[in-house]
All heavy atoms as atom14 arrays in JSON, in Angstrom:
{
  "sequence": "ALVGPSGSGKSTIAKLIAGFWDVTGGSVAL",
  "atom14_mask": [
    [1, 1, 1, 1, 1, 0, 0, 0, 0, 0, 0, 0, 0, 0],
    [1, 1, 1, 1, 1, 1, 1, 1, 0, 0, 0, 0, 0, 0],
    [1, 1, 1, 1, 1, 1, 1, 0, 0, 0, 0, 0, 0, 0],
    [1, 1, 1, 1, 0, 0, 0, 0, 0, 0, 0, 0, 0, 0],
    [1, 1, 1, 1, 1, 1, 1, 0, 0, 0, 0, 0, 0, 0],
    [1, 1, 1, 1, 1, 1, 0, 0, 0, 0, 0, 0, 0, 0],
    [1, 1, 1, 1, 0, 0, 0, 0, 0, 0, 0, 0, 0, 0],
    [1, 1, 1, 1, 1, 1, 0, 0, 0, 0, 0, 0, 0, 0],
    [1, 1, 1, 1, 0, 0, 0, 0, 0, 0, 0, 0, 0, 0],
    [1, 1, 1, 1, 1, 1, 1, 1, 1, 0, 0, 0, 0, 0],
    [1, 1, 1, 1, 1, 1, 0, 0, 0, 0, 0, 0, 0, 0],
    [1, 1, 1, 1, 1, 1, 1, 0, 0, 0, 0, 0, 0, 0],
    [1, 1, 1, 1, 1, 1, 1, 1, 0, 0, 0, 0, 0, 0],
    [1, 1, 1, 1, 1, 0, 0, 0, 0, 0, 0, 0, 0, 0],
    [1, 1, 1, 1, 1, 1, 1, 1, 1, 0, 0, 0, 0, 0],
    [1, 1, 1, 1, 1, 1, 1, 1, 0, 0, 0, 0, 0, 0],
    [1, 1, 1, 1, 1, 1, 1, 1, 0, 0, 0, 0, 0, 0],
    [1, 1, 1, 1, 1, 0, 0, 0, 0, 0, 0, 0, 0, 0],
    [1, 1, 1, 1, 0, 0, 0, 0, 0, 0, 0, 0, 0, 0],
    [1, 1, 1, 1, 1, 1, 1, 1, 1, 1, 1, 0, 0, 0],
    [1, 1, 1, 1, 1, 1, 1, 1, 1, 1, 1, 1, 1, 1],
    [1, 1, 1, 1, 1, 1, 1, 1, 0, 0, 0, 0, 0, 0],
    [1, 1, 1, 1, 1, 1, 1, 0, 0, 0, 0, 0, 0, 0],
    [1, 1, 1, 1, 1, 1, 1, 0, 0, 0, 0, 0, 0, 0],
    [1, 1, 1, 1, 0, 0, 0, 0, 0, 0, 0, 0, 0, 0],
    [1, 1, 1, 1, 0, 0, 0, 0, 0, 0, 0, 0, 0, 0],
    [1, 1, 1, 1, 1, 1, 0, 0, 0, 0, 0, 0, 0, 0],
    [1, 1, 1, 1, 1, 1, 1, 0, 0, 0, 0, 0, 0, 0],
    [1, 1, 1, 1, 1, 0, 0, 0, 0, 0, 0, 0, 0, 0],
    [1, 1, 1, 1, 1, 1, 1, 1, 0, 0, 0, 0, 0, 0]
  ],
  "atom14_positions": [
    [[23.61, 35.6, -19.27], [24.65, 35.91, -18.29], [24.82, 34.72, -17.35], [23.84, 34.18, -16.82], [24.25, 37.14, -17.48], [0.0, 0.0, 0.0], [0.0, 0.0, 0.0], [0.0, 0.0, 0.0], [0.0, 0.0, 0.0], [0.0, 0.0, 0.0], [0.0, 0.0, 0.0], [0.0, 0.0, 0.0], [0.0, 0.0, 0.0], [0.0, 0.0, 0.0]],
    [[26.07, 34.29, -17.17], [26.37, 33.23, -16.21], [26.96, 33.9, -14.97], [27.98, 34.59, -15.05], [27.39, 32.25, -16.8], [26.98, 31.53, -18.1], [28.13, 30.67, -18.61], [25.74, 30.68, -17.91], [0.0, 0.0, 0.0], [0.0, 0.0, 0.0], [0.0, 0.0, 0.0], [0.0, 0.0, 0.0], [0.0, 0.0, 0.0], [0.0, 0.0, 0.0]],
    [[26.3, 33.73, -13.82], [26.78, 34.35, -12.58], [26.92, 33.28, -11.5], [26.31, 32.22, -11.59], [25.83, 35.48, -12.1], [25.71, 36.58, -13.14], [24.45, 34.93, -11.76], [0.0, 0.0, 0.0], [0.0, 0.0, 0.0], [0.0, 0.0, 0.0], [0.0, 0.0, 0.0], [0.0, 0.0, 0.0], [0.0, 0.0, 0.0], [0.0, 0.0, 0.0]],
    [[27.73, 33.61, -10.49], [27.94, 32.66, -9.41], [29.34, 32.82, -8.85], [30.17, 33.51, -9.44], [0.0, 0.0, 0.0], [0.0, 0.0, 0.0], [0.0, 0.0, 0.0], [0.0, 0.0, 0.0], [0.0, 0.0, 0.0], [0.0, 0.0, 0.0], [0.0, 0.0, 0.0], [0.0, 0.0, 0.0], [0.0, 0.0, 0.0], [0.0, 0.0, 0.0]],
    [[29.61, 32.19, -7.71], [30.92, 32.36, -7.08], [32.05, 31.77, -7.92], [31.8, 30.97, -8.83], [30.78, 31.6, -5.75], [29.61, 30.69, -5.93], [28.71, 31.32, -6.95], [0.0, 0.0, 0.0], [0.0, 0.0, 0.0], [0.0, 0.0, 0.0], [0.0, 0.0, 0.0], [0.0, 0.0, 0.0], [0.0, 0.0, 0.0], [0.0, 0.0, 0.0]],
    [[33.28, 32.19, -7.61], [34.44, 31.62, -8.29], [34.47, 30.12, -8.07], [34.17, 29.64, -6.98], [35.74, 32.22, -7.71], [35.84, 33.55, -8.11], [0.0, 0.0, 0.0], [0.0, 0.0, 0.0], [0.0, 0.0, 0.0], [0.0, 0.0, 0.0], [0.0, 0.0, 0.0], [0.0, 0.0, 0.0], [0.0, 0.0, 0.0], [0.0, 0.0, 0.0]],
    [[34.8, 29.38, -9.12], [34.89, 27.93, -9.01], [33.56, 27.21, -9.14], [33.48, 25.99, -8.96], [0.0, 0.0, 0.0], [0.0, 0.0, 0.0], [0.0, 0.0, 0.0], [0.0, 0.0, 0.0], [0.0, 0.0, 0.0], [0.0, 0.0, 0.0], [0.0, 0.0, 0.0], [0.0, 0.0, 0.0], [0.0, 0.0, 0.0], [0.0, 0.0, 0.0]],
    [[32.49, 27.96, -9.45], [31.17, 27.31, -9.52], [30.96, 26.55, -10.83], [30.07, 25.71, -10.93], [30.06, 28.36, -9.35], [30.16, 29.36, -10.35], [0.0, 0.0, 0.0], [0.0, 0.0, 0.0], [0.0, 0.0, 0.0], [0.0, 0.0, 0.0], [0.0, 0.0, 0.0], [0.0, 0.0, 0.0], [0.0, 0.0, 0.0], [0.0, 0.0, 0.0]],
    [[31.78, 26.88, -11.86], [31.66, 26.17, -13.14], [31.26, 27.06, -14.31], [31.03, 26.58, -15.42], [0.0, 0.0, 0.0], [0.0, 0.0, 0.0], [0.0, 0.0, 0.0], [0.0, 0.0, 0.0], [0.0, 0.0, 0.0], [0.0, 0.0, 0.0], [0.0, 0.0, 0.0], [0.0, 0.0, 0.0], [0.0, 0.0, 0.0], [0.0, 0.0, 0.0]],
    [[31.18, 28.4, -14.08], [30.75, 29.32, -15.14], [31.66, 29.24, -16.36], [31.22, 29.08, -17.49], [30.74, 30.78, -14.63], [29.92, 31.02, -13.39], [29.91, 32.48, -13.0], [31.27, 33.08, -12.71], [31.91, 32.57, -11.5], [0.0, 0.0, 0.0], [0.0, 0.0, 0.0], [0.0, 0.0, 0.0], [0.0, 0.0, 0.0], [0.0, 0.0, 0.0]],
    [[32.97, 29.39, -16.13], [33.93, 29.39, -17.24], [33.97, 28.03, -17.93], [34.15, 27.95, -19.14], [35.34, 29.74, -16.76], [35.38, 31.11, -16.43], [0.0, 0.0, 0.0], [0.0, 0.0, 0.0], [0.0, 0.0, 0.0], [0.0, 0.0, 0.0], [0.0, 0.0, 0.0], [0.0, 0.0, 0.0], [0.0, 0.0, 0.0], [0.0, 0.0, 0.0]],
    [[33.81, 26.98, -17.15], [33.81, 25.63, -17.75], [32.64, 25.48, -18.72], [32.81, 24.98, -19.84], [33.73, 24.55, -16.65], [34.78, 24.77, -15.71], [33.87, 23.16, -17.24], [0.0, 0.0, 0.0], [0.0, 0.0, 0.0], [0.0, 0.0, 0.0], [0.0, 0.0, 0.0], [0.0, 0.0, 0.0], [0.0, 0.0, 0.0], [0.0, 0.0, 0.0]],
    [[31.46, 25.97, -18.33], [30.3, 25.93, -19.23], [30.6, 26.71, -20.51], [30.38, 26.23, -21.63], [29.04, 26.5, -18.53], [28.59, 25.57, -17.4], [27.9, 26.72, -19.53], [27.48, 26.14, -16.51], [0.0, 0.0, 0.0], [0.0, 0.0, 0.0], [0.0, 0.0, 0.0], [0.0, 0.0, 0.0], [0.0, 0.0, 0.0], [0.0, 0.0, 0.0]],
    [[31.17, 27.92, -20.35], [31.47, 28.77, -21.52], [32.48, 28.09, -22.45], [32.34, 28.12, -23.67], [32.0, 30.12, -21.05], [0.0, 0.0, 0.0], [0.0, 0.0, 0.0], [0.0, 0.0, 0.0], [0.0, 0.0, 0.0], [0.0, 0.0, 0.0], [0.0, 0.0, 0.0], [0.0, 0.0, 0.0], [0.0, 0.0, 0.0], [0.0, 0.0, 0.0]],
    [[33.48, 27.45, -21.86], [34.52, 26.82, -22.69], [34.0, 25.57, -23.4], [34.44, 25.24, -24.5], [35.75, 26.52, -21.83], [36.52, 27.8, -21.53], [37.66, 27.64, -20.55], [38.4, 28.97, -20.4], [39.24, 29.05, -19.22], [0.0, 0.0, 0.0], [0.0, 0.0, 0.0], [0.0, 0.0, 0.0], [0.0, 0.0, 0.0], [0.0, 0.0, 0.0]],
    [[33.05, 24.89, -22.77], [32.43, 23.74, -23.45], [31.58, 24.22, -24.63], [31.56, 23.59, -25.69], [31.56, 22.94, -22.47], [32.32, 22.13, -21.41], [31.34, 21.52, -20.41], [33.17, 21.03, -22.04], [0.0, 0.0, 0.0], [0.0, 0.0, 0.0], [0.0, 0.0, 0.0], [0.0, 0.0, 0.0], [0.0, 0.0, 0.0], [0.0, 0.0, 0.0]],
    [[30.89, 25.36, -24.46], [30.1, 25.92, -25.56], [31.03, 26.3, -26.71], [30.71, 26.14, -27.89], [29.29, 27.15, -25.08], [28.2, 26.73, -24.09], [28.67, 27.9, -26.27], [27.51, 27.88, -23.37], [0.0, 0.0, 0.0], [0.0, 0.0, 0.0], [0.0, 0.0, 0.0], [0.0, 0.0, 0.0], [0.0, 0.0, 0.0], [0.0, 0.0, 0.0]],
    [[32.22, 26.82, -26.37], [33.18, 27.24, -27.4], [33.91, 26.06, -28.03], [34.67, 26.22, -28.99], [34.2, 28.2, -26.79], [0.0, 0.0, 0.0], [0.0, 0.0, 0.0], [0.0, 0.0, 0.0], [0.0, 0.0, 0.0], [0.0, 0.0, 0.0], [0.0, 0.0, 0.0], [0.0, 0.0, 0.0], [0.0, 0.0, 0.0], [0.0, 0.0, 0.0]],
    [[33.69, 24.85, -27.48], [34.32, 23.67, -28.06], [35.77, 23.46, -27.65], [36.52, 22.75, -28.3], [0.0, 0.0, 0.0], [0.0, 0.0, 0.0], [0.0, 0.0, 0.0], [0.0, 0.0, 0.0], [0.0, 0.0, 0.0], [0.0, 0.0, 0.0], [0.0, 0.0, 0.0], [0.0, 0.0, 0.0], [0.0, 0.0, 0.0], [0.0, 0.0, 0.0]],
    [[36.18, 24.1, -26.53], [37.57, 23.93, -26.07], [37.83, 22.51, -25.6], [38.93, 22.0, -25.71], [37.89, 24.91, -24.93], [38.02, 26.35, -25.35], [37.78, 26.73, -26.67], [38.39, 27.33, -24.44], [37.91, 28.06, -27.06], [38.51, 28.66, -24.83], [38.27, 29.02, -26.14], [0.0, 0.0, 0.0], [0.0, 0.0, 0.0], [0.0, 0.0, 0.0]],
    [[36.8, 21.9, -25.0], [36.9, 20.5, -24.56], [35.64, 19.77, -24.97], [34.63, 20.4, -25.29], [37.05, 20.4, -23.04], [38.22, 21.11, -22.48], [39.53, 20.85, -22.72], [38.2, 22.22, -21.58], [40.33, 21.73, -22.03], [39.54, 22.59, -21.32], [37.19, 22.94, -20.95], [39.9, 23.63, -20.47], [37.54, 23.98, -20.12], [38.88, 24.32, -19.88]],
    [[35.67, 18.45, -24.94], [34.47, 17.65, -25.15], [33.82, 17.36, -23.8], [34.52, 17.18, -22.79], [34.83, 16.31, -25.82], [35.13, 16.49, -27.3], [34.73, 17.52, -27.87], [35.8, 15.61, -27.88], [0.0, 0.0, 0.0], [0.0, 0.0, 0.0], [0.0, 0.0, 0.0], [0.0, 0.0, 0.0], [0.0, 0.0, 0.0], [0.0, 0.0, 0.0]],
    [[32.49, 17.28, -23.8], [31.78, 16.96, -22.56], [32.1, 15.53, -22.13], [32.48, 14.69, -22.95], [30.25, 17.12, -22.75], [29.89, 18.56, -23.05], [29.73, 16.18, -23.83], [0.0, 0.0, 0.0], [0.0, 0.0, 0.0], [0.0, 0.0, 0.0], [0.0, 0.0, 0.0], [0.0, 0.0, 0.0], [0.0, 0.0, 0.0], [0.0, 0.0, 0.0]],
    [[31.97, 15.26, -20.83], [32.15, 13.9, -20.32], [30.86, 13.11, -20.5], [30.87, 11.93, -20.82], [32.54, 13.96, -18.82], [33.64, 14.85, -18.66], [32.94, 12.59, -18.3], [0.0, 0.0, 0.0], [0.0, 0.0, 0.0], [0.0, 0.0, 0.0], [0.0, 0.0, 0.0], [0.0, 0.0, 0.0], [0.0, 0.0, 0.0], [0.0, 0.0, 0.0]],
    [[29.73, 13.8, -20.29], [28.42, 13.17, -20.49], [27.46, 14.19, -21.05], [27.66, 15.39, -20.89], [0.0, 0.0, 0.0], [0.0, 0.0, 0.0], [0.0, 0.0, 0.0], [0.0, 0.0, 0.0], [0.0, 0.0, 0.0], [0.0, 0.0, 0.0], [0.0, 0.0, 0.0], [0.0, 0.0, 0.0], [0.0, 0.0, 0.0], [0.0, 0.0, 0.0]],
    [[26.39, 13.72, -21.74], [25.45, 14.64, -22.35], [26.0, 15.22, -23.64], [26.92, 14.65, -24.24], [0.0, 0.0, 0.0], [0.0, 0.0, 0.0], [0.0, 0.0, 0.0], [0.0, 0.0, 0.0], [0.0, 0.0, 0.0], [0.0, 0.0, 0.0], [0.0, 0.0, 0.0], [0.0, 0.0, 0.0], [0.0, 0.0, 0.0], [0.0, 0.0, 0.0]],
    [[25.48, 16.37, -24.06], [25.95, 16.96, -25.32], [25.74, 18.46, -25.35], [24.88, 19.0, -24.64], [25.2, 16.33, -26.5], [23.82, 16.63, -26.41], [0.0, 0.0, 0.0], [0.0, 0.0, 0.0], [0.0, 0.0, 0.0], [0.0, 0.0, 0.0], [0.0, 0.0, 0.0], [0.0, 0.0, 0.0], [0.0, 0.0, 0.0], [0.0, 0.0, 0.0]],
    [[26.55, 19.14, -26.18], [26.36, 20.55, -26.49], [26.12, 20.63, -27.99], [26.89, 20.06, -28.77], [27.61, 21.39, -26.13], [27.39, 22.86, -26.49], [27.95, 21.27, -24.65], [0.0, 0.0, 0.0], [0.0, 0.0, 0.0], [0.0, 0.0, 0.0], [0.0, 0.0, 0.0], [0.0, 0.0, 0.0], [0.0, 0.0, 0.0], [0.0, 0.0, 0.0]],
    [[25.04, 21.29, -28.39], [24.72, 21.4, -29.82], [24.64, 22.86, -30.23], [24.22, 23.72, -29.45], [23.4, 20.7, -30.11], [0.0, 0.0, 0.0], [0.0, 0.0, 0.0], [0.0, 0.0, 0.0], [0.0, 0.0, 0.0], [0.0, 0.0, 0.0], [0.0, 0.0, 0.0], [0.0, 0.0, 0.0], [0.0, 0.0, 0.0], [0.0, 0.0, 0.0]],
    [[25.06, 23.14, -31.46], [24.95, 24.47, -32.05], [24.07, 24.34, -33.29], [24.39, 23.55, -34.19], [26.35, 24.99, -32.42], [26.42, 26.31, -33.2], [25.81, 27.44, -32.39], [27.87, 26.64, -33.53], [0.0, 0.0, 0.0], [0.0, 0.0, 0.0], [0.0, 0.0, 0.0], [0.0, 0.0, 0.0], [0.0, 0.0, 0.0], [0.0, 0.0, 0.0]]
  ]
}
């Protein structure tokens, strides 16, 4: 579960996991 205030980055993390965008730095692996 990702929790936190609006604008904290929860949805951005989820969308990076889904491959909607590429990360700027680091990596996401499946």
